[in-house]
Amino acid sequence: MKFKPANKIQDLQYFGEFGGVNPSISDSSTYTFLSAKTMFDTFEGNADGCYLYSRHTSPSNLYLGEALAEMEGTQTATVTASGMGAITPVLLQLCSAGDHVVSSRTIYGGTYAFLKNFTPKLNIQTTFVDITKLDVVEAAIAENTKVLYCETVSNPLLEVADIEGLAALAKKHNLTLVVDNTFSPLSVSPAQLGADVVIHSLTKFINGSSDTVGGVICGTQEFIDNLRNVNDGACMLLGSTMDSLRASSVLKNLRTLHIRIQQHSKNAMYLAKKFEADGLKTVYPGLASHPSHELFSSMLNEEYGFGGMLTIDVGSLDKANELMELMQHKNLGYLAVSLGFYKTLFSAPGTSTSSEIPEDEQAEMGLTDGLIRFSIGLDNDIERTYQIMTECMRAVGVLELVS
């Protein structure tokens, strides 16, 4: 039977302690015990259902983690204080000094900086590759490689990873495949395609209201238990704990994710087709012109579409900035980083979210100065949005530039 991620979320039922339709928020940093023996057992990890200290976990965090594990189809999950607070513990839990990572070259700038600049201090090295070429990926695997890392849809170039192909490579070489699925929640279910660990920045589409930061790690019970281990667990000891109040808020927003993703995808597809027809250099996985369109289609949970992210290239940074400033002035969205908000967000990633990547490496991977990354919002009248956007493009000379 086909995996239905939104159904998995919908089928979960949590009651508040007084019968509320939302679970009660555990607004405590520490928890009391009726016996010292139970406290000792909890420290040893042997008292199921007991809570000790909110850095370890809390009821609110467990509710959210359980829901996200159901969404991704993994045994369990643990939530964190940010997306990077999910990514970094996973990599540090899986790798020790002398180990090696093979990573996609087009990934979120913070992840790139962590692998390029920080983990070498711990004697963990990374080889960055074109993740769309499985032969290149396999050629980069060495005897000390432990992790294969990618994003389902890469930030910001929207390259698509062949998760089943990468999972086969990971299994062949006894590696752990870690997939950041932030750009494509519900649309793609990486664990169902063979990924071992699935990560999200909850800050983005899953929360959807740009009012909090958070992350999640979805995986096996054994791996999540290792991350939470009081003696050597990276999540436990690095302290990237999500606040219970925020966990409760994200859980409420998660319940409308399926509706929001459908609208994000519908609007992005409309604009992508229009922009491409206008002669703009447009990248969107839903377009037949995207080099990985067929691959993405084969992985897709169809009812949720190809996601809300698209890019256009307007030729220069000055032109990109001029256009974005005008679009913000016209209330089409905000010149801001991040994504998944109800309003459209746009930025030039080469000088913002990917600025950690050196200019020569940006050029090598095809990240140009004139690239604008759009997180398309939930506009009710997307045709009206398109008309105003094209007026802005004409005003700054973008359409004339490409026509």
Protein backbone atom coordinates (compact mmCIF):
# COMPACT_ATOMS: atom_id res chain seq x y z
CA MET A 1 0.00 0.00 0.00
CA LYS A 2 1.30 3.46 -0.90
CA PHE A 3 2.74 5.43 2.00
CA LYS A 4 0.41 8.26 3.07
CA PRO A 5 2.39 10.60 5.35
CA ALA A 6 -0.41 13.04 6.17
CA ASN A 7 -2.69 10.17 7.19
CA LYS A 8 -0.02 9.01 9.62
CA ILE A 9 -0.05 12.43 11.30
CA GLN A 10 -3.84 12.67 11.29
CA ASP A 11 -4.27 9.26 12.91
CA LEU A 12 -2.31 10.26 16.02
CA GLN A 13 -4.53 11.21 18.95
CA TYR A 14 -3.26 13.17 21.94
CA PHE A 15 -5.49 14.43 24.76
CA GLY A 16 -4.61 17.13 27.25
CA GLU A 17 -4.58 16.17 30.92
CA PHE A 18 -8.03 17.78 31.36
CA GLY A 19 -9.45 16.32 28.15
CA GLY A 20 -8.26 19.12 25.89
CA VAL A 21 -8.11 18.43 22.17
CA ASN A 22 -4.51 19.65 22.25
CA PRO A 23 -2.02 17.88 24.52
CA SER A 24 -1.10 19.76 27.66
CA ILE A 25 2.20 21.64 27.58
CA SER A 26 4.74 20.43 30.09
CA ASP A 27 5.98 23.80 31.34
CA SER A 28 8.69 22.40 33.60
CA SER A 29 12.43 22.09 33.33
CA THR A 30 12.61 19.33 35.93
CA TYR A 31 10.31 16.57 37.19
CA THR A 32 9.65 15.14 40.63
CA PHE A 33 9.81 11.49 41.72
CA LEU A 34 7.92 9.69 44.46
CA SER A 35 10.92 7.47 45.11
CA ALA A 36 14.69 7.86 44.81
CA LYS A 37 14.87 4.42 43.19
CA THR A 38 12.76 5.60 40.25
CA MET A 39 15.01 8.64 39.77
CA PHE A 40 18.06 6.33 39.68
CA ASP A 41 16.34 4.02 37.18
CA THR A 42 15.47 6.99 34.98
CA PHE A 43 19.08 8.16 34.93
CA GLU A 44 20.00 4.64 33.85
CA GLY A 45 17.39 4.81 31.06
CA ASN A 46 15.23 2.05 32.55
CA ALA A 47 12.07 3.91 33.62
CA ASP A 48 9.90 4.13 30.53
CA GLY A 49 7.36 6.94 30.67
CA CYS A 50 9.18 8.85 33.40
CA TYR A 51 10.64 12.30 32.85
CA LEU A 52 13.71 13.61 34.59
CA TYR A 53 14.93 16.88 33.08
CA SER A 54 13.78 18.74 29.97
CA ARG A 55 17.19 18.70 28.32
CA HIS A 56 16.75 14.93 28.15
CA THR A 57 13.18 15.09 26.88
CA SER A 58 9.72 16.31 27.84
CA PRO A 59 6.16 15.16 27.07
CA SER A 60 5.66 18.04 24.62
CA ASN A 61 8.83 17.18 22.72
CA LEU A 62 7.93 13.51 22.61
CA TYR A 63 4.50 14.26 21.14
CA LEU A 64 6.05 16.28 18.33
CA GLY A 65 8.81 13.75 17.74
CA GLU A 66 6.31 10.91 17.54
CA ALA A 67 4.20 12.80 15.00
CA LEU A 68 7.22 13.58 12.82
CA ALA A 69 8.42 9.97 12.99
CA GLU A 70 5.00 8.90 11.76
CA MET A 71 5.20 11.46 8.96
CA GLU A 72 8.55 10.08 7.76
CA GLY A 73 7.79 6.44 8.53
CA THR A 74 10.67 5.89 10.94
CA GLN A 75 10.66 4.10 14.28
CA THR A 76 11.04 7.29 16.29
CA ALA A 77 12.44 10.84 16.25
CA THR A 78 13.91 13.48 18.50
CA VAL A 79 13.36 17.23 18.15
CA THR A 80 16.05 19.87 18.54
CA ALA A 81 16.42 23.61 19.03
CA SER A 82 17.21 24.32 15.35
CA GLY A 83 17.87 22.65 12.02
CA MET A 84 21.61 22.89 12.58
CA GLY A 85 20.95 21.52 16.07
CA ALA A 86 19.72 18.38 14.31
CA ILE A 87 22.38 18.16 11.59
CA THR A 88 25.48 18.61 13.72
CA PRO A 89 24.72 15.98 16.42
CA VAL A 90 23.87 13.40 13.76
CA LEU A 91 27.19 13.85 12.00
CA LEU A 92 29.16 13.90 15.25
CA GLN A 93 27.36 10.79 16.52
CA LEU A 94 28.16 8.89 13.34
CA CYS A 95 31.75 10.07 12.87
CA SER A 96 34.86 9.98 15.02
CA ALA A 97 38.37 11.35 14.51
CA GLY A 98 39.83 9.91 11.32
CA ASP A 99 36.47 9.30 9.65
CA HIS A 100 35.26 10.65 6.32
CA VAL A 101 31.99 12.02 4.91
CA VAL A 102 30.86 12.14 1.29
CA SER A 103 28.45 15.04 0.89
CA SER A 104 26.54 16.75 -1.85
CA ARG A 105 28.35 19.92 -2.93
CA THR A 106 25.11 21.93 -3.02
CA ILE A 107 23.77 21.99 0.51
CA TYR A 108 22.65 24.61 3.00
CA GLY A 109 25.48 27.04 3.71
CA GLY A 110 25.53 26.29 7.44
CA THR A 111 25.90 22.57 6.79
CA TYR A 112 28.64 23.24 4.25
CA ALA A 113 30.51 25.45 6.73
CA PHE A 114 30.22 22.80 9.44
CA LEU A 115 31.65 20.08 7.21
CA LYS A 116 34.23 22.27 5.48
CA ASN A 117 35.49 24.41 8.36
CA PHE A 118 34.50 22.89 11.70
CA THR A 119 34.70 19.09 11.52
CA PRO A 120 38.33 19.15 10.21
CA LYS A 121 39.24 20.48 13.69
CA LEU A 122 38.04 17.09 14.93
CA ASN A 123 39.93 15.26 12.16
CA ILE A 124 36.75 14.47 10.25
CA GLN A 125 37.15 15.19 6.54
CA THR A 126 34.53 15.67 3.84
CA THR A 127 34.59 15.20 0.08
CA PHE A 128 31.98 17.32 -1.72
CA VAL A 129 30.59 15.79 -4.91
CA ASP A 130 27.93 16.24 -7.56
CA ILE A 131 25.27 14.16 -5.83
CA THR A 132 23.35 13.64 -9.09
CA LYS A 133 26.16 11.45 -10.48
CA LEU A 134 26.20 8.12 -8.66
CA ASP A 135 29.49 7.05 -10.25
CA VAL A 136 31.16 10.20 -8.91
CA VAL A 137 29.64 9.61 -5.48
CA GLU A 138 30.91 6.03 -5.37
CA ALA A 139 34.38 7.04 -6.56
CA ALA A 140 34.63 9.41 -3.56
CA ILE A 141 33.94 6.67 -1.01
CA ALA A 142 37.05 5.62 0.91
CA GLU A 143 37.82 2.95 3.50
CA ASN A 144 37.20 5.43 6.33
CA THR A 145 33.94 6.84 4.91
CA LYS A 146 31.09 6.58 7.40
CA VAL A 147 28.35 8.90 6.10
CA LEU A 148 26.70 9.74 2.80
CA TYR A 149 24.98 13.12 3.18
CA CYS A 150 22.58 14.93 0.87
CA GLU A 151 19.44 17.03 0.64
CA THR A 152 16.42 15.61 -1.19
CA VAL A 153 16.18 18.89 -3.09
CA SER A 154 19.37 20.89 -2.71
CA ASN A 155 19.66 24.39 -1.33
CA PRO A 156 19.73 26.59 -3.36
CA LEU A 157 20.19 25.00 -6.82
CA LEU A 158 17.26 22.57 -6.50
CA GLU A 159 19.28 19.57 -7.61
CA VAL A 160 17.48 16.30 -6.83
CA ALA A 161 19.16 13.36 -5.10
CA ASP A 162 18.47 9.82 -6.26
CA ILE A 163 17.72 8.53 -2.78
CA GLU A 164 17.15 4.91 -3.81
CA GLY A 165 20.41 4.92 -5.77
CA LEU A 166 22.30 6.52 -2.88
CA ALA A 167 20.73 4.06 -0.43
CA ALA A 168 22.00 1.18 -2.55
CA LEU A 169 25.51 2.67 -2.48
CA ALA A 170 25.29 3.20 1.28
CA LYS A 171 24.24 -0.41 1.82
CA LYS A 172 26.98 -1.70 -0.51
CA HIS A 173 29.71 0.20 1.37
CA ASN A 174 28.20 -0.08 4.88
CA LEU A 175 27.56 3.67 5.17
CA THR A 176 24.78 5.64 6.85
CA LEU A 177 22.69 7.65 4.41
CA VAL A 178 21.56 10.94 6.00
CA VAL A 179 19.01 12.99 4.07
CA ASP A 180 17.93 16.55 4.82
CA ASN A 181 14.31 16.69 3.64
CA THR A 182 13.61 20.31 4.62
CA PHE A 183 12.61 21.43 1.11
CA SER A 184 10.19 18.56 0.46
CA PRO A 185 8.17 17.46 3.50
CA LEU A 186 5.29 15.15 2.55
CA SER A 187 6.25 15.41 -1.13
CA VAL A 188 9.08 12.90 -0.67
CA SER A 189 9.52 10.31 2.08
CA PRO A 190 13.26 9.49 2.11
CA ALA A 191 13.07 6.73 4.73
CA GLN A 192 10.65 4.85 2.48
CA LEU A 193 13.27 5.06 -0.28
CA GLY A 194 16.10 3.70 1.85
CA ALA A 195 17.49 6.65 3.84
CA ASP A 196 18.75 5.71 7.31
CA VAL A 197 18.31 9.12 8.96
CA VAL A 198 15.98 11.93 7.88
CA ILE A 199 16.48 15.49 9.10
CA HIS A 200 14.29 18.57 8.85
CA SER A 201 14.66 22.16 9.82
CA LEU A 202 11.24 22.58 11.45
CA THR A 203 11.77 26.33 11.09
CA LYS A 204 10.69 26.14 7.45
CA PHE A 205 7.64 24.49 5.88
CA ILE A 206 6.73 22.21 8.78
CA ASN A 207 6.18 25.07 11.23
CA GLY A 208 5.20 27.41 8.42
CA SER A 209 4.79 30.67 10.34
CA SER A 210 8.39 31.94 10.61
CA ASP A 211 8.04 32.42 14.36
CA THR A 212 10.38 29.78 15.73
CA VAL A 213 13.44 27.68 14.96
CA GLY A 214 13.59 23.94 15.43
CA GLY A 215 14.83 20.69 14.00
CA VAL A 216 14.09 16.97 14.01
CA ILE A 217 16.07 13.76 13.55
CA CYS A 218 14.03 10.76 12.38
CA GLY A 219 15.56 7.29 12.52
CA THR A 220 15.70 3.94 14.26
CA GLN A 221 15.01 3.57 17.96
CA GLU A 222 18.60 2.46 18.46
CA PHE A 223 20.08 5.53 16.75
CA ILE A 224 17.81 8.00 18.55
CA ASP A 225 18.57 6.29 21.87
CA ASN A 226 22.28 6.67 21.12
CA LEU A 227 21.80 10.39 20.44
CA ARG A 228 20.02 10.74 23.81
CA ASN A 229 22.48 8.66 25.82
CA VAL A 230 23.53 10.55 28.96
CA ASN A 231 27.15 9.39 28.65
CA ASP A 232 28.01 9.86 24.98
CA GLY A 233 24.91 11.00 23.09
CA ALA A 234 25.53 14.01 20.87
CA CYS A 235 22.03 15.45 21.28
CA MET A 236 22.16 14.97 25.03
CA LEU A 237 25.63 16.39 25.60
CA LEU A 238 25.59 19.22 23.04
CA GLY A 239 22.32 20.47 24.50
CA SER A 240 20.38 21.40 21.36
CA THR A 241 17.05 20.97 23.15
CA MET A 242 13.77 22.34 21.83
CA ASP A 243 11.64 24.30 24.27
CA SER A 244 8.37 22.59 25.23
CA LEU A 245 6.25 25.63 24.38
CA ARG A 246 7.74 25.74 20.89
CA ALA A 247 7.28 22.02 20.42
CA SER A 248 3.59 22.39 21.23
CA SER A 249 3.27 25.25 18.74
CA VAL A 250 4.98 23.32 15.94
CA LEU A 251 2.76 20.29 16.57
CA LYS A 252 -0.35 22.42 16.07
CA ASN A 253 1.00 23.80 12.80
CA LEU A 254 2.05 20.34 11.61
CA ARG A 255 -1.60 19.35 11.40
CA THR A 256 -2.20 21.74 8.50
CA LEU A 257 1.02 20.92 6.67
CA HIS A 258 -0.70 18.83 3.98
CA ILE A 259 -2.98 21.72 3.01
CA ARG A 260 -0.14 24.23 2.99
CA ILE A 261 2.25 22.08 0.96
CA GLN A 262 -0.41 21.52 -1.68
CA GLN A 263 -0.92 25.28 -2.04
CA HIS A 264 2.82 26.05 -2.01
CA SER A 265 3.31 23.49 -4.78
CA LYS A 266 0.33 24.65 -6.81
CA ASN A 267 1.49 28.27 -6.74
CA ALA A 268 5.12 27.43 -7.46
CA MET A 269 4.17 25.29 -10.45
CA TYR A 270 2.00 28.07 -11.85
CA LEU A 271 4.75 30.68 -11.55
CA ALA A 272 7.47 28.36 -12.83
CA LYS A 273 5.53 27.60 -16.00
CA LYS A 274 4.78 31.28 -16.56
CA PHE A 275 8.36 32.40 -15.92
CA GLU A 276 9.77 29.76 -18.25
CA ALA A 277 7.30 30.72 -20.98
CA ASP A 278 8.40 34.34 -20.56
CA GLY A 279 11.98 33.32 -21.33
CA LEU A 280 13.31 33.53 -17.79
CA LYS A 281 15.95 30.98 -16.82
CA THR A 282 13.77 29.05 -14.37
CA VAL A 283 14.60 26.00 -12.27
CA TYR A 284 11.78 24.04 -10.67
CA PRO A 285 11.62 20.25 -10.26
CA GLY A 286 8.05 20.24 -11.55
CA LEU A 287 9.12 21.52 -14.98
CA ALA A 288 9.89 18.97 -17.69
CA SER A 289 13.02 21.01 -18.41
CA HIS A 290 14.48 20.21 -14.97
CA PRO A 291 17.24 17.62 -15.50
CA SER A 292 15.90 15.46 -12.65
CA HIS A 293 12.19 15.93 -13.32
CA GLU A 294 11.57 12.26 -14.04
CA LEU A 295 13.60 11.16 -11.02
CA PHE A 296 11.70 13.51 -8.72
CA SER A 297 8.41 12.34 -10.21
CA SER A 298 9.34 8.73 -9.43
CA MET A 299 9.94 9.58 -5.75
CA LEU A 300 6.95 11.89 -5.40
CA ASN A 301 3.92 11.45 -3.16
CA GLU A 302 1.88 12.97 -5.97
CA GLU A 303 -0.89 14.73 -4.06
CA TYR A 304 1.62 17.15 -2.51
CA GLY A 305 3.32 18.32 -5.70
CA PHE A 306 6.89 19.38 -6.37
CA GLY A 307 7.26 21.82 -3.48
CA GLY A 308 7.33 25.56 -3.03
CA MET A 309 10.93 26.37 -4.03
CA LEU A 310 12.01 27.75 -7.40
CA THR A 311 14.83 29.87 -8.77
CA ILE A 312 15.28 32.31 -11.60
CA ASP A 313 18.51 33.85 -12.88
CA VAL A 314 18.32 37.52 -13.79
CA GLY A 315 21.95 37.92 -14.86
CA SER A 316 23.58 39.99 -12.12
CA LEU A 317 23.47 40.66 -8.40
CA ASP A 318 22.57 44.32 -8.95
CA LYS A 319 19.59 43.32 -11.10
CA ALA A 320 18.54 40.67 -8.57
CA ASN A 321 18.67 43.15 -5.69
CA GLU A 322 16.77 45.79 -7.65
CA LEU A 323 14.04 43.31 -8.51
CA MET A 324 13.72 41.94 -4.99
CA GLU A 325 13.54 45.40 -3.44
CA LEU A 326 10.77 46.38 -5.87
CA MET A 327 8.82 43.17 -5.28
CA GLN A 328 8.96 43.79 -1.55
CA HIS A 329 7.80 47.37 -2.09
CA LYS A 330 4.85 46.01 -4.07
CA ASN A 331 4.00 43.66 -1.16
CA LEU A 332 4.63 40.52 -3.20
CA GLY A 333 6.70 39.09 -0.39
CA TYR A 334 9.75 39.78 1.70
CA LEU A 335 13.45 40.11 0.92
CA ALA A 336 14.41 37.62 3.59
CA VAL A 337 16.21 34.35 4.09
CA SER A 338 14.49 31.13 5.21
CA LEU A 339 11.46 29.55 3.56
CA GLY A 340 8.07 27.99 4.11
CA PHE A 341 6.30 31.19 5.23
CA TYR A 342 2.75 32.05 4.12
CA LYS A 343 4.19 35.02 2.22
CA THR A 344 6.69 34.57 -0.58
CA LEU A 345 10.30 35.01 0.52
CA PHE A 346 13.15 35.78 -1.88
CA SER A 347 16.89 36.17 -1.55
CA ALA A 348 20.10 36.01 -3.56
CA PRO A 349 21.68 32.92 -1.99
CA GLY A 350 25.21 33.59 -3.24
CA THR A 351 25.42 36.56 -0.87
CA SER A 352 23.15 35.21 1.88
CA THR A 353 22.26 31.60 2.73
CA SER A 354 25.16 30.16 0.68
CA SER A 355 27.70 32.91 1.38
CA GLU A 356 29.78 30.45 3.43
CA ILE A 357 30.71 28.73 0.14
CA PRO A 358 33.76 30.41 -1.50
CA GLU A 359 33.06 32.26 -4.75
CA ASP A 360 35.17 29.88 -6.85
CA GLU A 361 33.22 26.90 -5.53
CA GLN A 362 29.93 28.72 -6.11
CA ALA A 363 30.97 29.24 -9.72
CA GLU A 364 31.99 25.60 -10.10
CA MET A 365 28.61 24.35 -8.90
CA GLY A 366 26.68 26.87 -11.01
CA LEU A 367 25.59 29.27 -8.28
CA THR A 368 25.56 32.62 -10.06
CA ASP A 369 25.32 36.20 -8.76
CA GLY A 370 22.01 36.75 -10.48
CA LEU A 371 20.25 33.73 -8.99
CA ILE A 372 17.13 34.51 -6.93
CA ARG A 373 15.72 31.78 -4.71
CA PHE A 374 11.97 31.99 -4.16
CA SER A 375 9.97 30.30 -1.42
CA ILE A 376 6.53 30.70 -2.95
CA GLY A 377 3.78 31.61 -0.52
CA LEU A 378 0.14 30.66 -0.06
CA ASP A 379 -1.32 33.42 -2.26
CA ASN A 380 -4.99 32.83 -3.00
CA ASP A 381 -4.84 34.60 -6.40
CA ILE A 382 -1.55 33.47 -7.88
CA GLU A 383 -2.41 34.89 -11.30
CA ARG A 384 -2.60 38.36 -9.74
CA THR A 385 0.76 37.72 -8.07
CA TYR A 386 2.26 36.77 -11.41
CA GLN A 387 0.95 39.89 -13.12
CA ILE A 388 2.47 42.19 -10.49
CA MET A 389 5.74 40.25 -10.53
CA THR A 390 6.06 40.66 -14.29
CA GLU A 391 5.35 44.39 -13.95
CA CYS A 392 8.28 44.55 -11.53
CA MET A 393 10.47 42.56 -13.91
CA ARG A 394 9.68 44.89 -16.76
CA ALA A 395 10.31 47.93 -14.57
CA VAL A 396 13.86 46.79 -13.74
CA GLY A 397 14.61 45.46 -17.23
CA VAL A 398 14.68 41.76 -16.38
CA LEU A 399 12.22 40.57 -19.00
CA GLU A 400 13.87 42.71 -21.67
CA LEU A 401 17.19 41.25 -20.57
CA VAL A 402 16.14 37.69 -21.38
CA SER A 403 13.72 38.26 -24.26
